[in-house]
Amino acid sequence: MIFKKAFYICGVLFFLLIIFLPGYTKLQELRDKNKDLETKIKYLNVENALLQQELKRIENDPIYQEKIARAKMGVVRKGEIPIKVVPRDR
């Protein structure tokens, strides 16, 4: 009688484990994914703040504008002679 009751309780516990274990593992996966996404959001917020600073600097600093135009676009002032250095092939 005691063994029958213990067997029944073990069966019920096993059944409950089968039902709830996949949901629990999915919950853990979602928590891990949520943590990863929160980290990514923090990183993107920092990157966004740096880009906003850069944008304000570009909009308000003519010396910085000139520096960017010269470096990225190859712009020269009137009267300057641009010189292009070509590396030799060996």
PDB file of N, CA and C in Angstrom:
ATOM      1  N   MET A   1       0.825  -1.189   0.000  1.00  0.00           N
ATOM      2  CA  MET A   1       0.000   0.000   0.000  1.00  0.00           C
ATOM      3  C   MET A   1       0.869   1.251   0.000  1.00  0.00           C
ATOM      4  N   ILE A   2       1.904   1.271   0.851  1.00  0.00           N
ATOM      5  CA  ILE A   2       2.787   2.435   0.917  1.00  0.00           C
ATOM      6  C   ILE A   2       3.552   2.583  -0.396  1.00  0.00           C
ATOM      7  N   PHE A   3       3.978   1.445  -0.968  1.00  0.00           N
ATOM      8  CA  PHE A   3       4.711   1.497  -2.227  1.00  0.00           C
ATOM      9  C   PHE A   3       3.823   1.992  -3.355  1.00  0.00           C
ATOM     10  N   LYS A   4       2.551   1.606  -3.323  1.00  0.00           N
ATOM     11  CA  LYS A   4       1.606   2.042  -4.339  1.00  0.00           C
ATOM     12  C   LYS A   4       1.413   3.557  -4.258  1.00  0.00           C
ATOM     13  N   LYS A   5       1.311   4.068  -3.046  1.00  0.00           N
ATOM     14  CA  LYS A   5       1.129   5.514  -2.853  1.00  0.00           C
ATOM     15  C   LYS A   5       2.396   6.265  -3.273  1.00  0.00           C
ATOM     16  N   ALA A   6       3.554   5.741  -2.901  1.00  0.00           N
ATOM     17  CA  ALA A   6       4.828   6.373  -3.273  1.00  0.00           C
ATOM     18  C   ALA A   6       5.003   6.343  -4.786  1.00  0.00           C
ATOM     19  N   PHE A   7       4.643   5.233  -5.424  1.00  0.00           N
ATOM     20  CA  PHE A   7       4.724   5.120  -6.875  1.00  0.00           C
ATOM     21  C   PHE A   7       3.802   6.137  -7.537  1.00  0.00           C
ATOM     22  N   TYR A   8       2.600   6.311  -6.995  1.00  0.00           N
ATOM     23  CA  TYR A   8       1.636   7.272  -7.524  1.00  0.00           C
ATOM     24  C   TYR A   8       2.182   8.702  -7.391  1.00  0.00           C
ATOM     25  N   ILE A   9       2.756   9.026  -6.240  1.00  0.00           N
ATOM     26  CA  ILE A   9       3.313  10.367  -6.014  1.00  0.00           C
ATOM     27  C   ILE A   9       4.490  10.614  -6.959  1.00  0.00           C
ATOM     28  N   CYS A  10       5.351   9.613  -7.137  1.00  0.00           N
ATOM     29  CA  CYS A  10       6.482   9.749  -8.070  1.00  0.00           C
ATOM     30  C   CYS A  10       5.982   9.949  -9.495  1.00  0.00           C
ATOM     31  N   GLY A  11       4.929   9.227  -9.861  1.00  0.00           N
ATOM     32  CA  GLY A  11       4.347   9.383 -11.196  1.00  0.00           C
ATOM     33  C   GLY A  11       3.801  10.788 -11.419  1.00  0.00           C
ATOM     34  N   VAL A  12       3.106  11.310 -10.426  1.00  0.00           N
ATOM     35  CA  VAL A  12       2.552  12.663 -10.528  1.00  0.00           C
ATOM     36  C   VAL A  12       3.686  13.686 -10.618  1.00  0.00           C
ATOM     37  N   LEU A  13       4.716  13.526  -9.778  1.00  0.00           N
ATOM     38  CA  LEU A  13       5.851  14.445  -9.819  1.00  0.00           C
ATOM     39  C   LEU A  13       6.569  14.384 -11.169  1.00  0.00           C
ATOM     40  N   PHE A  14       6.740  13.187 -11.697  1.00  0.00           N
ATOM     41  CA  PHE A  14       7.368  13.021 -13.004  1.00  0.00           C
ATOM     42  C   PHE A  14       6.532  13.690 -14.085  1.00  0.00           C
ATOM     43  N   PHE A  15       5.225  13.512 -14.019  1.00  0.00           N
ATOM     44  CA  PHE A  15       4.309  14.129 -14.982  1.00  0.00           C
ATOM     45  C   PHE A  15       4.397  15.666 -14.908  1.00  0.00           C
ATOM     46  N   LEU A  16       4.409  16.192 -13.695  1.00  0.00           N
ATOM     47  CA  LEU A  16       4.521  17.642 -13.526  1.00  0.00           C
ATOM     48  C   LEU A  16       5.870  18.157 -14.039  1.00  0.00           C
ATOM     49  N   LEU A  17       6.920  17.380 -13.799  1.00  0.00           N
ATOM     50  CA  LEU A  17       8.243  17.748 -14.299  1.00  0.00           C
ATOM     51  C   LEU A  17       8.248  17.804 -15.818  1.00  0.00           C
ATOM     52  N   ILE A  18       7.632  16.827 -16.459  1.00  0.00           N
ATOM     53  CA  ILE A  18       7.557  16.798 -17.918  1.00  0.00           C
ATOM     54  C   ILE A  18       6.778  18.003 -18.447  1.00  0.00           C
ATOM     55  N   ILE A  19       5.749  18.397 -17.746  1.00  0.00           N
ATOM     56  CA  ILE A  19       4.927  19.521 -18.195  1.00  0.00           C
ATOM     57  C   ILE A  19       5.648  20.860 -17.991  1.00  0.00           C
ATOM     58  N   PHE A  20       6.280  21.066 -16.836  1.00  0.00           N
ATOM     59  CA  PHE A  20       6.817  22.374 -16.495  1.00  0.00           C
ATOM     60  C   PHE A  20       8.282  22.596 -16.868  1.00  0.00           C
ATOM     61  N   LEU A  21       9.058  21.542 -17.081  1.00  0.00           N
ATOM     62  CA  LEU A  21      10.472  21.707 -17.396  1.00  0.00           C
ATOM     63  C   LEU A  21      10.709  22.469 -18.698  1.00  0.00           C
ATOM     64  N   PRO A  22      10.022  22.165 -19.799  1.00  0.00           N
ATOM     65  CA  PRO A  22      10.255  22.949 -21.030  1.00  0.00           C
ATOM     66  C   PRO A  22       9.930  24.435 -20.848  1.00  0.00           C
ATOM     67  N   GLY A  23       8.873  24.720 -20.106  1.00  0.00           N
ATOM     68  CA  GLY A  23       8.525  26.115 -19.856  1.00  0.00           C
ATOM     69  C   GLY A  23       9.581  26.818 -19.025  1.00  0.00           C
ATOM     70  N   TYR A  24      10.129  26.121 -18.039  1.00  0.00           N
ATOM     71  CA  TYR A  24      11.168  26.700 -17.188  1.00  0.00           C
ATOM     72  C   TYR A  24      12.440  26.964 -17.990  1.00  0.00           C
ATOM     73  N   THR A  25      12.845  26.019 -18.839  1.00  0.00           N
ATOM     74  CA  THR A  25      14.045  26.230 -19.653  1.00  0.00           C
ATOM     75  C   THR A  25      13.833  27.377 -20.632  1.00  0.00           C
ATOM     76  N   LYS A  26      12.651  27.485 -21.193  1.00  0.00           N
ATOM     77  CA  LYS A  26      12.337  28.599 -22.097  1.00  0.00           C
ATOM     78  C   LYS A  26      12.405  29.928 -21.336  1.00  0.00           C
ATOM     79  N   LEU A  27      11.914  29.947 -20.103  1.00  0.00           N
ATOM     80  CA  LEU A  27      11.969  31.144 -19.271  1.00  0.00           C
ATOM     81  C   LEU A  27      13.416  31.553 -19.025  1.00  0.00           C
ATOM     82  N   GLN A  28      14.283  30.592 -18.738  1.00  0.00           N
ATOM     83  CA  GLN A  28      15.697  30.890 -18.518  1.00  0.00           C
ATOM     84  C   GLN A  28      16.342  31.440 -19.787  1.00  0.00           C
ATOM     85  N   GLU A  29      16.015  30.860 -20.939  1.00  0.00           N
ATOM     86  CA  GLU A  29      16.544  31.346 -22.211  1.00  0.00           C
ATOM     87  C   GLU A  29      16.103  32.784 -22.456  1.00  0.00           C
ATOM     88  N   LEU A  30      14.841  33.073 -22.167  1.00  0.00           N
ATOM     89  CA  LEU A  30      14.325  34.429 -22.364  1.00  0.00           C
ATOM     90  C   LEU A  30      14.976  35.416 -21.403  1.00  0.00           C
ATOM     91  N   ARG A  31      15.242  34.995 -20.182  1.00  0.00           N
ATOM     92  CA  ARG A  31      15.934  35.872 -19.231  1.00  0.00           C
ATOM     93  C   ARG A  31      17.349  36.186 -19.713  1.00  0.00           C
ATOM     94  N   ASP A  32      18.050  35.163 -20.220  1.00  0.00           N
ATOM     95  CA  ASP A  32      19.397  35.382 -20.752  1.00  0.00           C
ATOM     96  C   ASP A  32      19.364  36.317 -21.958  1.00  0.00           C
ATOM     97  N   LYS A  33      18.397  36.098 -22.837  1.00  0.00           N
ATOM     98  CA  LYS A  33      18.263  36.950 -24.020  1.00  0.00           C
ATOM     99  C   LYS A  33      17.938  38.386 -23.602  1.00  0.00           C
ATOM    100  N   ASN A  34      17.091  38.537 -22.594  1.00  0.00           N
ATOM    101  CA  ASN A  34      16.728  39.866 -22.093  1.00  0.00           C
ATOM    102  C   ASN A  34      17.956  40.577 -21.529  1.00  0.00           C
ATOM    103  N   LYS A  35      18.785  39.839 -20.787  1.00  0.00           N
ATOM    104  CA  LYS A  35      20.002  40.412 -20.215  1.00  0.00           C
ATOM    105  C   LYS A  35      20.946  40.869 -21.331  1.00  0.00           C
ATOM    106  N   ASP A  36      21.086  40.037 -22.380  1.00  0.00           N
ATOM    107  CA  ASP A  36      21.933  40.399 -23.519  1.00  0.00           C
ATOM    108  C   ASP A  36      21.398  41.652 -24.219  1.00  0.00           C
ATOM    109  N   LEU A  37      20.088  41.723 -24.392  1.00  0.00           N
ATOM    110  CA  LEU A  37      19.493  42.880 -25.049  1.00  0.00           C
ATOM    111  C   LEU A  37      19.645  44.146 -24.206  1.00  0.00           C
ATOM    112  N   GLU A  38      19.543  44.025 -22.887  1.00  0.00           N
ATOM    113  CA  GLU A  38      19.749  45.191 -22.018  1.00  0.00           C
ATOM    114  C   GLU A  38      21.182  45.694 -22.128  1.00  0.00           C
ATOM    115  N   THR A  39      22.138  44.786 -22.203  1.00  0.00           N
ATOM    116  CA  THR A  39      23.535  45.170 -22.385  1.00  0.00           C
ATOM    117  C   THR A  39      23.721  45.875 -23.723  1.00  0.00           C
ATOM    118  N   LYS A  40      23.097  45.344 -24.758  1.00  0.00           N
ATOM    119  CA  LYS A  40      23.199  45.954 -26.084  1.00  0.00           C
ATOM    120  C   LYS A  40      22.566  47.344 -26.095  1.00  0.00           C
ATOM    121  N   ILE A  41      21.449  47.505 -25.399  1.00  0.00           N
ATOM    122  CA  ILE A  41      20.782  48.810 -25.320  1.00  0.00           C
ATOM    123  C   ILE A  41      21.693  49.819 -24.631  1.00  0.00           C
ATOM    124  N   LYS A  42      22.348  49.421 -23.541  1.00  0.00           N
ATOM    125  CA  LYS A  42      23.272  50.326 -22.851  1.00  0.00           C
ATOM    126  C   LYS A  42      24.408  50.745 -23.771  1.00  0.00           C
ATOM    127  N   TYR A  43      24.971  49.781 -24.505  1.00  0.00           N
ATOM    128  CA  TYR A  43      26.050  50.083 -25.443  1.00  0.00           C
ATOM    129  C   TYR A  43      25.574  51.045 -26.520  1.00  0.00           C
ATOM    130  N   LEU A  44      24.392  50.802 -27.064  1.00  0.00           N
ATOM    131  CA  LEU A  44      23.862  51.663 -28.124  1.00  0.00           C
ATOM    132  C   LEU A  44      23.528  53.052 -27.603  1.00  0.00           C
ATOM    133  N   ASN A  45      23.081  53.167 -26.360  1.00  0.00           N
ATOM    134  CA  ASN A  45      22.817  54.488 -25.777  1.00  0.00           C
ATOM    135  C   ASN A  45      24.108  55.293 -25.644  1.00  0.00           C
ATOM    136  N   VAL A  46      25.193  54.631 -25.233  1.00  0.00           N
ATOM    137  CA  VAL A  46      26.485  55.308 -25.142  1.00  0.00           C
ATOM    138  C   VAL A  46      26.951  55.739 -26.525  1.00  0.00           C
ATOM    139  N   GLU A  47      26.839  54.830 -27.486  1.00  0.00           N
ATOM    140  CA  GLU A  47      27.242  55.149 -28.853  1.00  0.00           C
ATOM    141  C   GLU A  47      26.409  56.301 -29.412  1.00  0.00           C
ATOM    142  N   ASN A  48      25.113  56.299 -29.121  1.00  0.00           N
ATOM    143  CA  ASN A  48      24.230  57.367 -29.581  1.00  0.00           C
ATOM    144  C   ASN A  48      24.636  58.706 -28.982  1.00  0.00           C
ATOM    145  N   ALA A  49      24.973  58.723 -27.693  1.00  0.00           N
ATOM    146  CA  ALA A  49      25.397  59.959 -27.038  1.00  0.00           C
ATOM    147  C   ALA A  49      26.680  60.493 -27.675  1.00  0.00           C
ATOM    148  N   LEU A  50      27.619  59.597 -27.985  1.00  0.00           N
ATOM    149  CA  LEU A  50      28.866  60.023 -28.627  1.00  0.00           C
ATOM    150  C   LEU A  50      28.603  60.584 -30.025  1.00  0.00           C
ATOM    151  N   LEU A  51      27.700  59.943 -30.745  1.00  0.00           N
ATOM    152  CA  LEU A  51      27.365  60.438 -32.084  1.00  0.00           C
ATOM    153  C   LEU A  51      26.642  61.785 -32.023  1.00  0.00           C
ATOM    154  N   GLN A  52      25.800  61.978 -31.007  1.00  0.00           N
ATOM    155  CA  GLN A  52      25.129  63.272 -30.831  1.00  0.00           C
ATOM    156  C   GLN A  52      26.156  64.370 -30.544  1.00  0.00           C
ATOM    157  N   GLN A  53      27.152  64.047 -29.719  1.00  0.00           N
ATOM    158  CA  GLN A  53      28.236  64.999 -29.440  1.00  0.00           C
ATOM    159  C   GLN A  53      28.984  65.348 -30.717  1.00  0.00           C
ATOM    160  N   GLU A  54      29.301  64.337 -31.492  1.00  0.00           N
ATOM    161  CA  GLU A  54      30.011  64.532 -32.761  1.00  0.00           C
ATOM    162  C   GLU A  54      29.193  65.420 -33.700  1.00  0.00           C
ATOM    163  N   LEU A  55      27.897  65.163 -33.769  1.00  0.00           N
ATOM    164  CA  LEU A  55      27.022  65.954 -34.634  1.00  0.00           C
ATOM    165  C   LEU A  55      27.002  67.423 -34.198  1.00  0.00           C
ATOM    166  N   LYS A  56      26.875  67.671 -32.897  1.00  0.00           N
ATOM    167  CA  LYS A  56      26.881  69.056 -32.400  1.00  0.00           C
ATOM    168  C   LYS A  56      28.203  69.739 -32.730  1.00  0.00           C
ATOM    169  N   ARG A  57      29.291  68.981 -32.594  1.00  0.00           N
ATOM    170  CA  ARG A  57      30.604  69.552 -32.891  1.00  0.00           C
ATOM    171  C   ARG A  57      30.723  69.890 -34.372  1.00  0.00           C
ATOM    172  N   ILE A  58      30.228  69.011 -35.226  1.00  0.00           N
ATOM    173  CA  ILE A  58      30.269  69.266 -36.665  1.00  0.00           C
ATOM    174  C   ILE A  58      29.416  70.480 -37.016  1.00  0.00           C
ATOM    175  N   GLU A  59      28.250  70.588 -36.407  1.00  0.00           N
ATOM    176  CA  GLU A  59      27.347  71.693 -36.716  1.00  0.00           C
ATOM    177  C   GLU A  59      27.876  73.035 -36.217  1.00  0.00           C
ATOM    178  N   ASN A  60      28.616  73.056 -35.108  1.00  0.00           N
ATOM    179  CA  ASN A  60      28.966  74.319 -34.458  1.00  0.00           C
ATOM    180  C   ASN A  60      30.442  74.708 -34.533  1.00  0.00           C
ATOM    181  N   ASP A  61      31.315  73.835 -34.983  1.00  0.00           N
ATOM    182  CA  ASP A  61      32.748  74.125 -34.972  1.00  0.00           C
ATOM    183  C   ASP A  61      33.289  74.169 -36.402  1.00  0.00           C
ATOM    184  N   PRO A  62      33.491  75.379 -36.956  1.00  0.00           N
ATOM    185  CA  PRO A  62      33.960  75.476 -38.354  1.00  0.00           C
ATOM    186  C   PRO A  62      35.360  74.887 -38.554  1.00  0.00           C
ATOM    187  N   ILE A  63      36.210  74.961 -37.542  1.00  0.00           N
ATOM    188  CA  ILE A  63      37.556  74.383 -37.682  1.00  0.00           C
ATOM    189  C   ILE A  63      37.461  72.866 -37.811  1.00  0.00           C
ATOM    190  N   TYR A  64      36.577  72.270 -37.025  1.00  0.00           N
ATOM    191  CA  TYR A  64      36.381  70.815 -37.105  1.00  0.00           C
ATOM    192  C   TYR A  64      35.753  70.433 -38.447  1.00  0.00           C
ATOM    193  N   GLN A  65      34.826  71.256 -38.936  1.00  0.00           N
ATOM    194  CA  GLN A  65      34.225  71.014 -40.252  1.00  0.00           C
ATOM    195  C   GLN A  65      35.306  70.988 -41.327  1.00  0.00           C
ATOM    196  N   GLU A  66      36.215  71.965 -41.265  1.00  0.00           N
ATOM    197  CA  GLU A  66      37.301  72.027 -42.248  1.00  0.00           C
ATOM    198  C   GLU A  66      38.190  70.795 -42.146  1.00  0.00           C
ATOM    199  N   LYS A  67      38.495  70.393 -40.929  1.00  0.00           N
ATOM    200  CA  LYS A  67      39.346  69.212 -40.717  1.00  0.00           C
ATOM    201  C   LYS A  67      38.716  67.964 -41.347  1.00  0.00           C
ATOM    202  N   ILE A  68      37.425  67.800 -41.137  1.00  0.00           N
ATOM    203  CA  ILE A  68      36.732  66.637 -41.714  1.00  0.00           C
ATOM    204  C   ILE A  68      36.694  66.722 -43.230  1.00  0.00           C
ATOM    205  N   ALA A  69      36.393  67.917 -43.746  1.00  0.00           N
ATOM    206  CA  ALA A  69      36.332  68.092 -45.203  1.00  0.00           C
ATOM    207  C   ALA A  69      37.686  67.803 -45.835  1.00  0.00           C
ATOM    208  N   ARG A  70      38.749  68.243 -45.201  1.00  0.00           N
ATOM    209  CA  ARG A  70      40.083  67.990 -45.748  1.00  0.00           C
ATOM    210  C   ARG A  70      40.438  66.502 -45.680  1.00  0.00           C
ATOM    211  N   ALA A  71      40.155  65.875 -44.563  1.00  0.00           N
ATOM    212  CA  ALA A  71      40.561  64.481 -44.370  1.00  0.00           C
ATOM    213  C   ALA A  71      39.732  63.500 -45.193  1.00  0.00           C
ATOM    214  N   LYS A  72      38.422  63.682 -45.195  1.00  0.00           N
ATOM    215  CA  LYS A  72      37.561  62.676 -45.814  1.00  0.00           C
ATOM    216  C   LYS A  72      37.223  62.975 -47.267  1.00  0.00           C
ATOM    217  N   MET A  73      37.206  64.245 -47.623  1.00  0.00           N
ATOM    218  CA  MET A  73      36.765  64.601 -48.969  1.00  0.00           C
ATOM    219  C   MET A  73      37.894  65.154 -49.832  1.00  0.00           C
ATOM    220  N   GLY A  74      39.050  65.403 -49.252  1.00  0.00           N
ATOM    221  CA  GLY A  74      40.179  65.908 -50.018  1.00  0.00           C
ATOM    222  C   GLY A  74      40.008  67.360 -50.446  1.00  0.00           C
ATOM    223  N   VAL A  75      39.236  68.132 -49.703  1.00  0.00           N
ATOM    224  CA  VAL A  75      38.989  69.528 -50.030  1.00  0.00           C
ATOM    225  C   VAL A  75      40.238  70.349 -49.702  1.00  0.00           C
ATOM    226  N   VAL A  76      40.571  71.305 -50.594  1.00  0.00           N
ATOM    227  CA  VAL A  76      41.699  72.192 -50.356  1.00  0.00           C
ATOM    228  C   VAL A  76      41.213  73.639 -50.386  1.00  0.00           C
ATOM    229  N   ARG A  77      41.985  74.510 -49.756  1.00  0.00           N
ATOM    230  CA  ARG A  77      41.663  75.937 -49.795  1.00  0.00           C
ATOM    231  C   ARG A  77      42.085  76.528 -51.128  1.00  0.00           C
ATOM    232  N   LYS A  78      41.506  77.673 -51.405  1.00  0.00           N
ATOM    233  CA  LYS A  78      41.856  78.385 -52.619  1.00  0.00           C
ATOM    234  C   LYS A  78      43.334  78.783 -52.545  1.00  0.00           C
ATOM    235  N   GLY A  79      44.067  78.450 -53.585  1.00  0.00           N
ATOM    236  CA  GLY A  79      45.482  78.780 -53.636  1.00  0.00           C
ATOM    237  C   GLY A  79      46.386  77.646 -53.177  1.00  0.00           C
ATOM    238  N   GLU A  80      45.848  76.632 -52.524  1.00  0.00           N
ATOM    239  CA  GLU A  80      46.660  75.494 -52.111  1.00  0.00           C
ATOM    240  C   GLU A  80      46.842  74.537 -53.274  1.00  0.00           C
ATOM    241  N   ILE A  81      47.943  73.862 -53.273  1.00  0.00           N
ATOM    242  CA  ILE A  81      48.202  72.876 -54.316  1.00  0.00           C
ATOM    243  C   ILE A  81      48.143  71.493 -53.672  1.00  0.00           C
ATOM    244  N   PRO A  82      47.180  70.678 -54.100  1.00  0.00           N
ATOM    245  CA  PRO A  82      47.105  69.332 -53.513  1.00  0.00           C
ATOM    246  C   PRO A  82      48.207  68.428 -54.060  1.00  0.00           C
ATOM    247  N   ILE A  83      48.788  67.651 -53.177  1.00  0.00           N
ATOM    248  CA  ILE A  83      49.824  66.701 -53.563  1.00  0.00           C
ATOM    249  C   ILE A  83      49.363  65.312 -53.135  1.00  0.00           C
ATOM    250  N   LYS A  84      49.403  64.397 -54.094  1.00  0.00           N
ATOM    251  CA  LYS A  84      48.995  63.028 -53.805  1.00  0.00           C
ATOM    252  C   LYS A  84      50.234  62.151 -53.762  1.00  0.00           C
ATOM    253  N   VAL A  85      50.439  61.475 -52.657  1.00  0.00           N
ATOM    254  CA  VAL A  85      51.587  60.588 -52.494  1.00  0.00           C
ATOM    255  C   VAL A  85      51.147  59.180 -52.873  1.00  0.00           C
ATOM    256  N   VAL A  86      51.844  58.622 -53.864  1.00  0.00           N
ATOM    257  CA  VAL A  86      51.532  57.282 -54.331  1.00  0.00           C
ATOM    258  C   VAL A  86      52.642  56.339 -53.875  1.00  0.00           C
ATOM    259  N   PRO A  87      52.304  55.319 -53.101  1.00  0.00           N
ATOM    260  CA  PRO A  87      53.353  54.393 -52.653  1.00  0.00           C
ATOM    261  C   PRO A  87      53.896  53.548 -53.820  1.00  0.00           C
ATOM    262  N   ARG A  88      55.200  53.274 -53.757  1.00  0.00           N
ATOM    263  CA  ARG A  88      55.804  52.442 -54.809  1.00  0.00           C
ATOM    264  C   ARG A  88      55.457  50.982 -54.601  1.00  0.00           C
ATOM    265  N   ASP A  89      55.236  50.298 -55.691  1.00  0.00           N
ATOM    266  CA  ASP A  89      55.031  48.855 -55.623  1.00  0.00           C
ATOM    267  C   ASP A  89      56.390  48.170 -55.652  1.00  0.00           C
ATOM    268  N   ARG A  90      56.563  47.166 -54.865  1.00  0.00           N
ATOM    269  CA  ARG A  90      57.856  46.449 -54.813  1.00  0.00           C
ATOM    270  C   ARG A  90      57.818  45.206 -55.606  1.00  0.00           C
TER     271      ARG A  90
END
